[in-house]
Amino acid sequence: MHTERVTIEGVPFLTTLHLAGPIGLLALHGAVEGGTAELAREVATRTGATLLTFTQPTGPPRHIPSIRMSPCTPLSTFLAHATLTVSLHGHNRRSAPRTIYVGGSNRPAARVLATALAGSPFTPVTTLSGIPHPLRGLHPDNPVNRTRDGGVQLELPVLARTTHPVPTDPEVPPGEVVEGLVTGVRRLLDAEGAPW
C-alpha cells in the first residue's frame, strides 16, 4: 500500500495505491462522496483487485469532475496496471434514493456488476437512456474509460455507500452492496480475457 500527496487544480489530495489484480477499484472523490473510498477498499481487499483512492486531508472538500483529474503519478500507474476499472461515485438524486446507475464504456462488464447487485435493496440501472446524462461516465477523458478494457462507473446513492451518513462517524459501507460488488468483481476476474 503506497500513499502519496498530490495537488490537482490547487486542491491537495492524499492518494492510496495498491497494485494487485487486473481489475482496478477507483474512488476519485473519497472526501466528497462519502463511503466510496471505504467501499472500494473493502471490495479490493476481498477480491485481490488493484485499488486507488483519493481523499482530501485538509480544507473544505472540493469536487473536481472526473475528466479533470489530471494524470498524476498514482493515477497514471493505476491506469497502466489495471485492465478494467470499476469507478465508485456518489449521486444525490432525491428522486432515486435507491437507484444505482451503472455507466461507463464497458457495457458487458456493467451488466455483470448490475446482475450481481440485483439482490441488494437497490435497483441497478444499466440502460444508458435511463441514466442521467452527467452520470453516464462515457467521456473518453474519464479515467474509468482509460484502462485497456474501459470500465464501469457506479453512481451510488448515499444509502448504498455508507450506513453512517454523519460527517463525524466513520463511513461503513452497507453489507449487501459490499457482497454484491465482491460477487460482481469476482465474476469479472473469472471472465478476464473475455471479449469485453
N, C-alpha and C. Protein backbone atom coordinates (compact mmCIF):
# COMPACT_ATOMS: atom_id res chain seq x y z
N MET A 1 0.87 -1.18 0.00
CA MET A 1 0.00 0.00 0.00
C MET A 1 0.90 1.23 0.00
N HIS A 2 0.73 2.08 -0.99
CA HIS A 2 1.57 3.27 -1.12
C HIS A 2 0.69 4.52 -1.04
N THR A 3 1.06 5.45 -0.18
CA THR A 3 0.33 6.71 -0.10
C THR A 3 1.21 7.83 -0.65
N GLU A 4 0.56 8.78 -1.28
CA GLU A 4 1.29 9.90 -1.88
C GLU A 4 0.39 11.12 -1.90
N ARG A 5 0.97 12.27 -1.62
CA ARG A 5 0.23 13.53 -1.69
C ARG A 5 0.41 14.13 -3.08
N VAL A 6 -0.70 14.54 -3.68
CA VAL A 6 -0.67 15.17 -4.99
C VAL A 6 -1.56 16.41 -4.93
N THR A 7 -1.35 17.33 -5.86
CA THR A 7 -2.17 18.53 -5.95
C THR A 7 -2.77 18.60 -7.34
N ILE A 8 -4.09 18.75 -7.40
CA ILE A 8 -4.81 18.86 -8.67
C ILE A 8 -5.67 20.11 -8.60
N GLU A 9 -5.46 21.02 -9.53
CA GLU A 9 -6.19 22.30 -9.57
C GLU A 9 -6.14 23.01 -8.22
N GLY A 10 -4.97 22.96 -7.60
CA GLY A 10 -4.77 23.66 -6.33
C GLY A 10 -5.32 22.95 -5.11
N VAL A 11 -5.93 21.77 -5.30
CA VAL A 11 -6.52 21.02 -4.20
C VAL A 11 -5.57 19.90 -3.79
N PRO A 12 -5.20 19.85 -2.51
CA PRO A 12 -4.32 18.76 -2.05
C PRO A 12 -5.11 17.47 -1.84
N PHE A 13 -4.59 16.38 -2.36
CA PHE A 13 -5.19 15.06 -2.20
C PHE A 13 -4.18 14.12 -1.56
N LEU A 14 -4.69 13.16 -0.84
CA LEU A 14 -3.91 12.03 -0.37
C LEU A 14 -4.38 10.82 -1.17
N THR A 15 -3.46 10.20 -1.91
CA THR A 15 -3.82 9.03 -2.70
C THR A 15 -3.30 7.78 -2.00
N THR A 16 -4.05 6.71 -2.13
CA THR A 16 -3.63 5.40 -1.62
C THR A 16 -3.72 4.43 -2.78
N LEU A 17 -2.58 3.83 -3.12
CA LEU A 17 -2.49 2.93 -4.27
C LEU A 17 -1.97 1.57 -3.83
N HIS A 18 -2.66 0.53 -4.26
CA HIS A 18 -2.21 -0.84 -4.02
C HIS A 18 -2.35 -1.60 -5.33
N LEU A 19 -1.22 -1.98 -5.92
CA LEU A 19 -1.25 -2.72 -7.18
C LEU A 19 -1.42 -4.20 -6.89
N ALA A 20 -2.42 -4.80 -7.54
CA ALA A 20 -2.69 -6.22 -7.33
C ALA A 20 -3.24 -6.79 -8.63
N GLY A 21 -4.49 -7.28 -8.62
CA GLY A 21 -5.07 -7.95 -9.78
C GLY A 21 -5.41 -7.02 -10.93
N PRO A 22 -5.91 -7.60 -12.04
CA PRO A 22 -6.16 -6.82 -13.26
C PRO A 22 -7.39 -5.91 -13.21
N ILE A 23 -8.34 -6.20 -12.32
CA ILE A 23 -9.48 -5.30 -12.14
C ILE A 23 -9.06 -4.21 -11.17
N GLY A 24 -9.37 -2.96 -11.48
CA GLY A 24 -8.99 -1.84 -10.61
C GLY A 24 -10.20 -1.17 -9.99
N LEU A 25 -10.20 -1.03 -8.67
CA LEU A 25 -11.24 -0.29 -7.96
C LEU A 25 -10.73 1.13 -7.77
N LEU A 26 -11.54 2.12 -8.17
CA LEU A 26 -11.12 3.51 -8.16
C LEU A 26 -12.17 4.37 -7.44
N ALA A 27 -11.70 5.21 -6.52
CA ALA A 27 -12.57 6.19 -5.86
C ALA A 27 -11.89 7.55 -5.98
N LEU A 28 -12.33 8.33 -6.96
CA LEU A 28 -11.71 9.63 -7.23
C LEU A 28 -12.15 10.70 -6.24
N HIS A 29 -13.32 10.53 -5.64
CA HIS A 29 -13.90 11.58 -4.81
C HIS A 29 -14.20 11.09 -3.40
N GLY A 30 -13.23 10.40 -2.80
CA GLY A 30 -13.45 9.81 -1.48
C GLY A 30 -13.83 10.80 -0.40
N ALA A 31 -13.36 12.02 -0.49
CA ALA A 31 -13.66 13.01 0.55
C ALA A 31 -15.01 13.67 0.35
N VAL A 32 -15.48 13.70 -0.88
CA VAL A 32 -16.71 14.42 -1.21
C VAL A 32 -17.91 13.47 -1.28
N GLU A 33 -17.68 12.28 -1.80
CA GLU A 33 -18.74 11.30 -1.98
C GLU A 33 -18.52 10.19 -0.95
N GLY A 34 -18.97 10.50 0.27
CA GLY A 34 -18.69 9.67 1.44
C GLY A 34 -18.98 8.20 1.25
N GLY A 35 -18.06 7.37 1.69
CA GLY A 35 -18.21 5.93 1.63
C GLY A 35 -17.61 5.29 0.40
N THR A 36 -17.31 6.06 -0.65
CA THR A 36 -16.80 5.45 -1.88
C THR A 36 -15.39 4.89 -1.68
N ALA A 37 -14.54 5.61 -0.97
CA ALA A 37 -13.17 5.12 -0.73
C ALA A 37 -13.20 3.86 0.13
N GLU A 38 -14.05 3.88 1.16
CA GLU A 38 -14.14 2.73 2.06
C GLU A 38 -14.71 1.51 1.34
N LEU A 39 -15.70 1.74 0.48
CA LEU A 39 -16.29 0.65 -0.29
C LEU A 39 -15.27 0.07 -1.27
N ALA A 40 -14.55 0.94 -1.96
CA ALA A 40 -13.52 0.48 -2.90
C ALA A 40 -12.46 -0.35 -2.16
N ARG A 41 -12.04 0.14 -0.99
CA ARG A 41 -11.01 -0.56 -0.21
C ARG A 41 -11.50 -1.95 0.21
N GLU A 42 -12.73 -2.03 0.70
CA GLU A 42 -13.27 -3.32 1.17
C GLU A 42 -13.38 -4.33 0.02
N VAL A 43 -13.90 -3.87 -1.12
CA VAL A 43 -14.07 -4.78 -2.26
C VAL A 43 -12.71 -5.21 -2.81
N ALA A 44 -11.76 -4.29 -2.91
CA ALA A 44 -10.43 -4.64 -3.41
C ALA A 44 -9.75 -5.64 -2.48
N THR A 45 -9.87 -5.43 -1.19
CA THR A 45 -9.25 -6.34 -0.22
C THR A 45 -9.80 -7.75 -0.36
N ARG A 46 -11.10 -7.86 -0.56
CA ARG A 46 -11.74 -9.18 -0.60
C ARG A 46 -11.62 -9.88 -1.95
N THR A 47 -11.26 -9.14 -2.99
CA THR A 47 -11.18 -9.76 -4.33
C THR A 47 -9.75 -9.80 -4.89
N GLY A 48 -8.82 -9.15 -4.22
CA GLY A 48 -7.46 -9.09 -4.76
C GLY A 48 -7.32 -8.12 -5.91
N ALA A 49 -8.24 -7.16 -6.00
CA ALA A 49 -8.19 -6.16 -7.08
C ALA A 49 -7.18 -5.06 -6.75
N THR A 50 -6.77 -4.35 -7.77
CA THR A 50 -5.95 -3.16 -7.60
C THR A 50 -6.83 -2.05 -7.03
N LEU A 51 -6.24 -1.14 -6.26
CA LEU A 51 -7.01 -0.10 -5.58
C LEU A 51 -6.32 1.25 -5.71
N LEU A 52 -7.13 2.29 -5.98
CA LEU A 52 -6.65 3.67 -5.91
C LEU A 52 -7.76 4.55 -5.36
N THR A 53 -7.47 5.24 -4.25
CA THR A 53 -8.44 6.18 -3.68
C THR A 53 -7.82 7.56 -3.56
N PHE A 54 -8.68 8.57 -3.69
CA PHE A 54 -8.31 9.96 -3.49
C PHE A 54 -9.14 10.51 -2.34
N THR A 55 -8.48 11.08 -1.35
CA THR A 55 -9.18 11.79 -0.28
C THR A 55 -8.54 13.16 -0.12
N GLN A 56 -9.22 14.05 0.59
CA GLN A 56 -8.72 15.40 0.81
C GLN A 56 -8.51 15.59 2.31
N PRO A 57 -7.27 15.50 2.77
CA PRO A 57 -7.00 15.53 4.21
C PRO A 57 -7.18 16.89 4.88
N THR A 58 -7.14 17.96 4.09
CA THR A 58 -7.26 19.30 4.67
C THR A 58 -8.21 20.15 3.86
N GLY A 59 -8.73 21.19 4.49
CA GLY A 59 -9.58 22.16 3.80
C GLY A 59 -10.96 21.61 3.52
N PRO A 60 -11.87 22.48 3.10
CA PRO A 60 -13.22 22.02 2.75
C PRO A 60 -13.17 21.14 1.51
N PRO A 61 -13.90 20.01 1.52
CA PRO A 61 -13.88 19.12 0.35
C PRO A 61 -14.33 19.84 -0.92
N ARG A 62 -13.62 19.57 -2.00
CA ARG A 62 -13.95 20.18 -3.28
C ARG A 62 -14.07 19.10 -4.34
N HIS A 63 -15.13 19.16 -5.12
CA HIS A 63 -15.37 18.15 -6.16
C HIS A 63 -14.78 18.61 -7.48
N ILE A 64 -13.81 17.87 -7.97
CA ILE A 64 -13.23 18.12 -9.29
C ILE A 64 -13.78 17.05 -10.22
N PRO A 65 -14.44 17.45 -11.32
CA PRO A 65 -15.01 16.44 -12.22
C PRO A 65 -13.97 15.41 -12.66
N SER A 66 -14.43 14.20 -12.85
CA SER A 66 -13.53 13.09 -13.19
C SER A 66 -12.65 13.39 -14.39
N ILE A 67 -13.23 14.02 -15.42
CA ILE A 67 -12.47 14.26 -16.64
C ILE A 67 -11.34 15.26 -16.43
N ARG A 68 -11.36 15.99 -15.28
CA ARG A 68 -10.29 16.95 -15.00
C ARG A 68 -9.30 16.43 -13.96
N MET A 69 -9.47 15.20 -13.52
CA MET A 69 -8.49 14.62 -12.60
C MET A 69 -7.23 14.33 -13.42
N SER A 70 -6.23 15.16 -13.25
CA SER A 70 -5.05 15.11 -14.11
C SER A 70 -4.28 13.80 -13.90
N PRO A 71 -3.51 13.41 -14.90
CA PRO A 71 -2.77 12.14 -14.81
C PRO A 71 -1.56 12.25 -13.87
N CYS A 72 -1.83 12.37 -12.57
CA CYS A 72 -0.77 12.37 -11.58
C CYS A 72 -0.14 10.98 -11.56
N THR A 73 1.01 10.86 -10.92
CA THR A 73 1.73 9.58 -10.93
C THR A 73 0.90 8.41 -10.43
N PRO A 74 0.19 8.53 -9.28
CA PRO A 74 -0.60 7.37 -8.84
C PRO A 74 -1.67 6.97 -9.85
N LEU A 75 -2.36 7.94 -10.45
CA LEU A 75 -3.41 7.61 -11.42
C LEU A 75 -2.81 7.00 -12.68
N SER A 76 -1.70 7.56 -13.15
CA SER A 76 -1.04 7.00 -14.34
C SER A 76 -0.59 5.56 -14.08
N THR A 77 -0.06 5.31 -12.89
CA THR A 77 0.39 3.95 -12.54
C THR A 77 -0.79 2.99 -12.50
N PHE A 78 -1.88 3.44 -11.90
CA PHE A 78 -3.10 2.63 -11.82
C PHE A 78 -3.60 2.28 -13.22
N LEU A 79 -3.70 3.29 -14.10
CA LEU A 79 -4.23 3.08 -15.44
C LEU A 79 -3.34 2.16 -16.28
N ALA A 80 -2.04 2.20 -16.03
CA ALA A 80 -1.12 1.34 -16.78
C ALA A 80 -1.18 -0.10 -16.27
N HIS A 81 -1.56 -0.28 -15.00
CA HIS A 81 -1.54 -1.62 -14.40
C HIS A 81 -2.87 -2.36 -14.59
N ALA A 82 -3.97 -1.71 -14.30
CA ALA A 82 -5.29 -2.36 -14.38
C ALA A 82 -5.71 -2.52 -15.83
N THR A 83 -6.50 -3.55 -16.11
CA THR A 83 -7.01 -3.73 -17.47
C THR A 83 -8.46 -3.26 -17.59
N LEU A 84 -9.19 -3.25 -16.46
CA LEU A 84 -10.58 -2.80 -16.44
C LEU A 84 -10.82 -2.08 -15.12
N THR A 85 -11.48 -0.95 -15.16
CA THR A 85 -11.70 -0.14 -13.97
C THR A 85 -13.15 -0.21 -13.52
N VAL A 86 -13.34 -0.29 -12.20
CA VAL A 86 -14.66 -0.12 -11.59
C VAL A 86 -14.54 1.13 -10.73
N SER A 87 -15.16 2.21 -11.19
CA SER A 87 -15.03 3.51 -10.53
C SER A 87 -16.28 3.80 -9.71
N LEU A 88 -16.08 4.08 -8.40
CA LEU A 88 -17.20 4.29 -7.48
C LEU A 88 -17.42 5.77 -7.23
N HIS A 89 -18.66 6.20 -7.42
CA HIS A 89 -19.05 7.60 -7.23
C HIS A 89 -20.34 7.65 -6.44
N GLY A 90 -20.69 8.86 -6.00
CA GLY A 90 -21.94 9.04 -5.28
C GLY A 90 -22.85 10.01 -6.01
N HIS A 91 -24.16 9.72 -5.98
CA HIS A 91 -25.13 10.68 -6.51
C HIS A 91 -26.12 11.02 -5.40
N ASN A 92 -26.72 12.19 -5.54
CA ASN A 92 -27.68 12.66 -4.55
C ASN A 92 -29.02 12.98 -5.20
N ARG A 93 -29.43 12.17 -6.16
CA ARG A 93 -30.71 12.38 -6.83
C ARG A 93 -31.85 12.03 -5.88
N ARG A 94 -32.57 13.03 -5.45
CA ARG A 94 -33.66 12.79 -4.48
C ARG A 94 -34.75 11.91 -5.05
N SER A 95 -34.90 11.93 -6.35
CA SER A 95 -35.93 11.10 -6.99
C SER A 95 -35.49 9.64 -7.12
N ALA A 96 -34.23 9.35 -6.80
CA ALA A 96 -33.72 7.98 -6.99
C ALA A 96 -32.85 7.55 -5.79
N PRO A 97 -33.42 7.56 -4.55
CA PRO A 97 -32.61 7.26 -3.37
C PRO A 97 -32.18 5.80 -3.25
N ARG A 98 -32.76 4.94 -4.09
CA ARG A 98 -32.37 3.52 -4.04
C ARG A 98 -31.95 3.01 -5.42
N THR A 99 -31.49 3.94 -6.26
CA THR A 99 -31.07 3.57 -7.61
C THR A 99 -29.55 3.67 -7.74
N ILE A 100 -28.95 2.61 -8.26
CA ILE A 100 -27.52 2.61 -8.60
C ILE A 100 -27.44 2.71 -10.12
N TYR A 101 -26.84 3.79 -10.61
CA TYR A 101 -26.66 3.97 -12.05
C TYR A 101 -25.35 3.30 -12.46
N VAL A 102 -25.42 2.43 -13.45
CA VAL A 102 -24.27 1.63 -13.86
C VAL A 102 -23.84 2.08 -15.26
N GLY A 103 -22.92 3.04 -15.31
CA GLY A 103 -22.46 3.61 -16.57
C GLY A 103 -21.07 3.10 -16.94
N GLY A 104 -20.35 3.92 -17.72
CA GLY A 104 -19.02 3.55 -18.18
C GLY A 104 -19.06 2.93 -19.57
N SER A 105 -17.90 2.85 -20.20
CA SER A 105 -17.82 2.42 -21.59
C SER A 105 -17.93 0.92 -21.79
N ASN A 106 -17.65 0.13 -20.77
CA ASN A 106 -17.69 -1.32 -20.93
C ASN A 106 -19.08 -1.84 -20.53
N ARG A 107 -19.97 -1.91 -21.50
CA ARG A 107 -21.35 -2.26 -21.21
C ARG A 107 -21.53 -3.73 -20.80
N PRO A 108 -20.81 -4.69 -21.38
CA PRO A 108 -20.94 -6.07 -20.88
C PRO A 108 -20.51 -6.19 -19.42
N ALA A 109 -19.42 -5.53 -19.04
CA ALA A 109 -18.97 -5.58 -17.64
C ALA A 109 -19.98 -4.87 -16.74
N ALA A 110 -20.61 -3.81 -17.24
CA ALA A 110 -21.64 -3.10 -16.47
C ALA A 110 -22.79 -4.04 -16.15
N ARG A 111 -23.18 -4.86 -17.12
CA ARG A 111 -24.29 -5.78 -16.90
C ARG A 111 -23.91 -6.87 -15.89
N VAL A 112 -22.65 -7.30 -15.90
CA VAL A 112 -22.19 -8.29 -14.92
C VAL A 112 -22.33 -7.72 -13.51
N LEU A 113 -21.87 -6.50 -13.30
CA LEU A 113 -21.95 -5.89 -11.97
C LEU A 113 -23.40 -5.62 -11.58
N ALA A 114 -24.22 -5.18 -12.53
CA ALA A 114 -25.63 -4.91 -12.23
C ALA A 114 -26.34 -6.18 -11.80
N THR A 115 -26.06 -7.28 -12.47
CA THR A 115 -26.68 -8.56 -12.11
C THR A 115 -26.28 -8.96 -10.69
N ALA A 116 -25.01 -8.75 -10.35
CA ALA A 116 -24.54 -9.10 -9.01
C ALA A 116 -25.16 -8.22 -7.93
N LEU A 117 -25.49 -6.98 -8.29
CA LEU A 117 -26.09 -6.05 -7.33
C LEU A 117 -27.60 -6.18 -7.24
N ALA A 118 -28.20 -6.95 -8.13
CA ALA A 118 -29.66 -7.03 -8.20
C ALA A 118 -30.27 -7.62 -6.93
N GLY A 119 -29.50 -8.37 -6.16
CA GLY A 119 -30.02 -8.94 -4.92
C GLY A 119 -29.95 -8.01 -3.74
N SER A 120 -29.42 -6.83 -3.92
CA SER A 120 -29.32 -5.85 -2.84
C SER A 120 -30.63 -5.07 -2.75
N PRO A 121 -30.79 -4.22 -1.73
CA PRO A 121 -32.02 -3.42 -1.64
C PRO A 121 -32.06 -2.25 -2.62
N PHE A 122 -31.12 -2.23 -3.57
CA PHE A 122 -31.02 -1.12 -4.52
C PHE A 122 -31.29 -1.63 -5.93
N THR A 123 -31.74 -0.73 -6.79
CA THR A 123 -32.08 -1.09 -8.17
C THR A 123 -30.99 -0.60 -9.11
N PRO A 124 -30.26 -1.53 -9.75
CA PRO A 124 -29.26 -1.09 -10.72
C PRO A 124 -29.91 -0.76 -12.07
N VAL A 125 -29.47 0.33 -12.67
CA VAL A 125 -29.97 0.76 -13.98
C VAL A 125 -28.79 0.76 -14.95
N THR A 126 -28.88 -0.07 -16.00
CA THR A 126 -27.79 -0.15 -16.98
C THR A 126 -28.14 0.49 -18.31
N THR A 127 -29.42 0.68 -18.59
CA THR A 127 -29.82 1.28 -19.86
C THR A 127 -29.36 2.74 -19.88
N LEU A 128 -28.51 3.09 -20.82
CA LEU A 128 -27.93 4.43 -20.83
C LEU A 128 -28.99 5.52 -20.89
N SER A 129 -30.09 5.27 -21.61
CA SER A 129 -31.14 6.28 -21.69
C SER A 129 -31.82 6.49 -20.34
N GLY A 130 -31.69 5.52 -19.43
CA GLY A 130 -32.27 5.65 -18.10
C GLY A 130 -31.34 6.26 -17.07
N ILE A 131 -30.11 6.56 -17.49
CA ILE A 131 -29.11 7.16 -16.60
C ILE A 131 -29.00 8.64 -16.93
N PRO A 132 -29.13 9.53 -15.94
CA PRO A 132 -28.97 10.96 -16.23
C PRO A 132 -27.64 11.22 -16.94
N HIS A 133 -27.68 12.07 -17.95
CA HIS A 133 -26.50 12.30 -18.80
C HIS A 133 -25.22 12.56 -18.01
N PRO A 134 -25.22 13.42 -16.96
CA PRO A 134 -23.97 13.68 -16.25
C PRO A 134 -23.42 12.48 -15.48
N LEU A 135 -24.22 11.44 -15.32
CA LEU A 135 -23.81 10.27 -14.52
C LEU A 135 -23.45 9.06 -15.38
N ARG A 136 -23.43 9.22 -16.68
CA ARG A 136 -23.22 8.06 -17.56
C ARG A 136 -21.76 7.60 -17.62
N GLY A 137 -20.81 8.49 -17.36
CA GLY A 137 -19.40 8.10 -17.33
C GLY A 137 -18.86 7.62 -18.66
N LEU A 138 -19.25 8.28 -19.75
CA LEU A 138 -18.84 7.83 -21.07
C LEU A 138 -17.74 8.67 -21.71
N HIS A 139 -17.39 9.80 -21.11
CA HIS A 139 -16.39 10.68 -21.73
C HIS A 139 -15.05 9.95 -21.83
N PRO A 140 -14.38 10.04 -22.99
CA PRO A 140 -13.11 9.32 -23.15
C PRO A 140 -12.00 9.78 -22.20
N ASP A 141 -12.10 11.02 -21.67
CA ASP A 141 -11.09 11.50 -20.73
C ASP A 141 -11.38 11.09 -19.29
N ASN A 142 -12.53 10.48 -19.06
CA ASN A 142 -12.84 10.00 -17.72
C ASN A 142 -11.92 8.81 -17.43
N PRO A 143 -11.21 8.82 -16.30
CA PRO A 143 -10.28 7.72 -16.01
C PRO A 143 -10.92 6.33 -16.08
N VAL A 144 -12.22 6.22 -15.81
CA VAL A 144 -12.87 4.90 -15.86
C VAL A 144 -12.76 4.27 -17.24
N ASN A 145 -12.61 5.08 -18.27
CA ASN A 145 -12.57 4.56 -19.63
C ASN A 145 -11.16 4.46 -20.20
N ARG A 146 -10.15 4.73 -19.38
CA ARG A 146 -8.80 4.83 -19.92
C ARG A 146 -7.93 3.60 -19.67
N THR A 147 -8.48 2.55 -19.06
CA THR A 147 -7.74 1.30 -19.00
C THR A 147 -8.02 0.51 -20.27
N ARG A 148 -7.27 -0.54 -20.49
CA ARG A 148 -7.32 -1.28 -21.77
C ARG A 148 -8.73 -1.70 -22.16
N ASP A 149 -9.49 -2.22 -21.20
CA ASP A 149 -10.84 -2.70 -21.49
C ASP A 149 -11.91 -1.72 -21.04
N GLY A 150 -11.54 -0.46 -20.83
CA GLY A 150 -12.52 0.53 -20.38
C GLY A 150 -12.94 0.24 -18.96
N GLY A 151 -14.20 0.55 -18.64
CA GLY A 151 -14.61 0.31 -17.27
C GLY A 151 -16.08 0.55 -17.03
N VAL A 152 -16.43 0.45 -15.74
CA VAL A 152 -17.80 0.61 -15.27
C VAL A 152 -17.82 1.71 -14.22
N GLN A 153 -18.70 2.69 -14.40
CA GLN A 153 -18.85 3.76 -13.42
C GLN A 153 -20.13 3.52 -12.64
N LEU A 154 -19.99 3.31 -11.35
CA LEU A 154 -21.14 3.09 -10.48
C LEU A 154 -21.45 4.37 -9.73
N GLU A 155 -22.64 4.88 -9.95
CA GLU A 155 -23.12 6.07 -9.23
C GLU A 155 -24.09 5.59 -8.15
N LEU A 156 -23.64 5.71 -6.90
CA LEU A 156 -24.36 5.13 -5.77
C LEU A 156 -25.05 6.19 -4.93
N PRO A 157 -26.32 5.95 -4.55
CA PRO A 157 -26.97 6.88 -3.62
C PRO A 157 -26.32 6.75 -2.24
N VAL A 158 -26.54 7.72 -1.39
CA VAL A 158 -25.85 7.73 -0.09
C VAL A 158 -26.10 6.47 0.70
N LEU A 159 -27.31 5.91 0.67
CA LEU A 159 -27.60 4.71 1.46
C LEU A 159 -26.89 3.47 0.94
N ALA A 160 -26.40 3.51 -0.30
CA ALA A 160 -25.63 2.40 -0.86
C ALA A 160 -24.14 2.57 -0.62
N ARG A 161 -23.76 3.72 -0.07
CA ARG A 161 -22.33 3.98 0.17
C ARG A 161 -21.94 3.88 1.63
N THR A 162 -22.86 4.23 2.53
CA THR A 162 -22.50 4.28 3.93
C THR A 162 -23.71 4.03 4.82
N THR A 163 -23.47 3.35 5.92
CA THR A 163 -24.53 3.15 6.90
C THR A 163 -24.47 4.21 7.99
N HIS A 164 -23.47 5.10 7.89
CA HIS A 164 -23.30 6.18 8.88
C HIS A 164 -23.14 7.51 8.17
N PRO A 165 -24.21 8.05 7.57
CA PRO A 165 -24.08 9.31 6.82
C PRO A 165 -24.02 10.54 7.73
N VAL A 166 -23.14 10.47 8.73
CA VAL A 166 -22.92 11.59 9.65
C VAL A 166 -21.45 11.96 9.54
N PRO A 167 -21.13 13.25 9.27
CA PRO A 167 -19.74 13.63 8.99
C PRO A 167 -18.73 13.21 10.05
N THR A 168 -19.15 13.10 11.31
CA THR A 168 -18.18 12.78 12.36
C THR A 168 -17.98 11.29 12.56
N ASP A 169 -18.82 10.45 11.94
CA ASP A 169 -18.71 9.00 12.11
C ASP A 169 -17.87 8.38 11.00
N PRO A 170 -17.23 7.25 11.27
CA PRO A 170 -16.53 6.53 10.19
C PRO A 170 -17.54 6.03 9.17
N GLU A 171 -17.13 6.04 7.91
CA GLU A 171 -18.00 5.54 6.84
C GLU A 171 -17.96 4.01 6.86
N VAL A 172 -19.11 3.38 6.90
CA VAL A 172 -19.19 1.91 6.88
C VAL A 172 -20.12 1.51 5.73
N PRO A 173 -19.56 0.94 4.66
CA PRO A 173 -20.41 0.57 3.52
C PRO A 173 -21.42 -0.51 3.91
N PRO A 174 -22.63 -0.47 3.33
CA PRO A 174 -23.65 -1.49 3.62
C PRO A 174 -23.21 -2.87 3.16
N GLY A 175 -23.44 -3.86 3.99
CA GLY A 175 -23.00 -5.22 3.69
C GLY A 175 -23.54 -5.77 2.39
N GLU A 176 -24.83 -5.47 2.06
CA GLU A 176 -25.41 -6.03 0.84
C GLU A 176 -24.73 -5.48 -0.41
N VAL A 177 -24.30 -4.22 -0.36
CA VAL A 177 -23.62 -3.63 -1.51
C VAL A 177 -22.20 -4.19 -1.61
N VAL A 178 -21.53 -4.32 -0.47
CA VAL A 178 -20.19 -4.92 -0.47
C VAL A 178 -20.26 -6.32 -1.09
N GLU A 179 -21.21 -7.15 -0.61
CA GLU A 179 -21.32 -8.52 -1.10
C GLU A 179 -21.63 -8.55 -2.60
N GLY A 180 -22.52 -7.67 -3.06
CA GLY A 180 -22.86 -7.62 -4.47
C GLY A 180 -21.67 -7.26 -5.33
N LEU A 181 -20.92 -6.24 -4.89
CA LEU A 181 -19.74 -5.83 -5.67
C LEU A 181 -18.64 -6.88 -5.64
N VAL A 182 -18.45 -7.52 -4.50
CA VAL A 182 -17.45 -8.59 -4.41
C VAL A 182 -17.81 -9.70 -5.39
N THR A 183 -19.07 -10.09 -5.41
CA THR A 183 -19.52 -11.13 -6.34
C THR A 183 -19.29 -10.68 -7.78
N GLY A 184 -19.67 -9.44 -8.09
CA GLY A 184 -19.52 -8.94 -9.45
C GLY A 184 -18.07 -8.86 -9.90
N VAL A 185 -17.20 -8.36 -9.03
CA VAL A 185 -15.78 -8.25 -9.39
C VAL A 185 -15.17 -9.64 -9.56
N ARG A 186 -15.56 -10.57 -8.72
CA ARG A 186 -15.05 -11.95 -8.89
C ARG A 186 -15.49 -12.54 -10.22
N ARG A 187 -16.73 -12.24 -10.63
CA ARG A 187 -17.20 -12.72 -11.94
C ARG A 187 -16.40 -12.09 -13.07
N LEU A 188 -16.07 -10.82 -12.92
CA LEU A 188 -15.25 -10.16 -13.95
C LEU A 188 -13.85 -10.78 -13.98
N LEU A 189 -13.30 -11.10 -12.83
CA LEU A 189 -11.99 -11.73 -12.77
C LEU A 189 -12.03 -13.11 -13.42
N ASP A 190 -13.09 -13.86 -13.18
CA ASP A 190 -13.23 -15.19 -13.78
C ASP A 190 -13.32 -15.11 -15.29
N ALA A 191 -13.87 -13.98 -15.78
CA ALA A 191 -14.05 -13.80 -17.22
C ALA A 191 -12.91 -12.99 -17.85
N GLU A 192 -11.83 -12.75 -17.07
CA GLU A 192 -10.70 -11.97 -17.59
C GLU A 192 -10.24 -12.57 -18.92
N GLY A 193 -10.09 -11.72 -19.90
CA GLY A 193 -9.72 -12.17 -21.23
C GLY A 193 -10.94 -12.34 -22.13
N ALA A 194 -12.13 -12.19 -21.53
CA ALA A 194 -13.35 -12.26 -22.35
C ALA A 194 -13.39 -11.07 -23.31
N PRO A 195 -14.09 -11.20 -24.41
CA PRO A 195 -14.14 -10.10 -25.38
C PRO A 195 -15.05 -8.96 -24.91
N TRP A 196 -14.54 -8.20 -23.97
CA TRP A 196 -15.33 -7.07 -23.49
C TRP A 196 -15.52 -6.09 -24.63
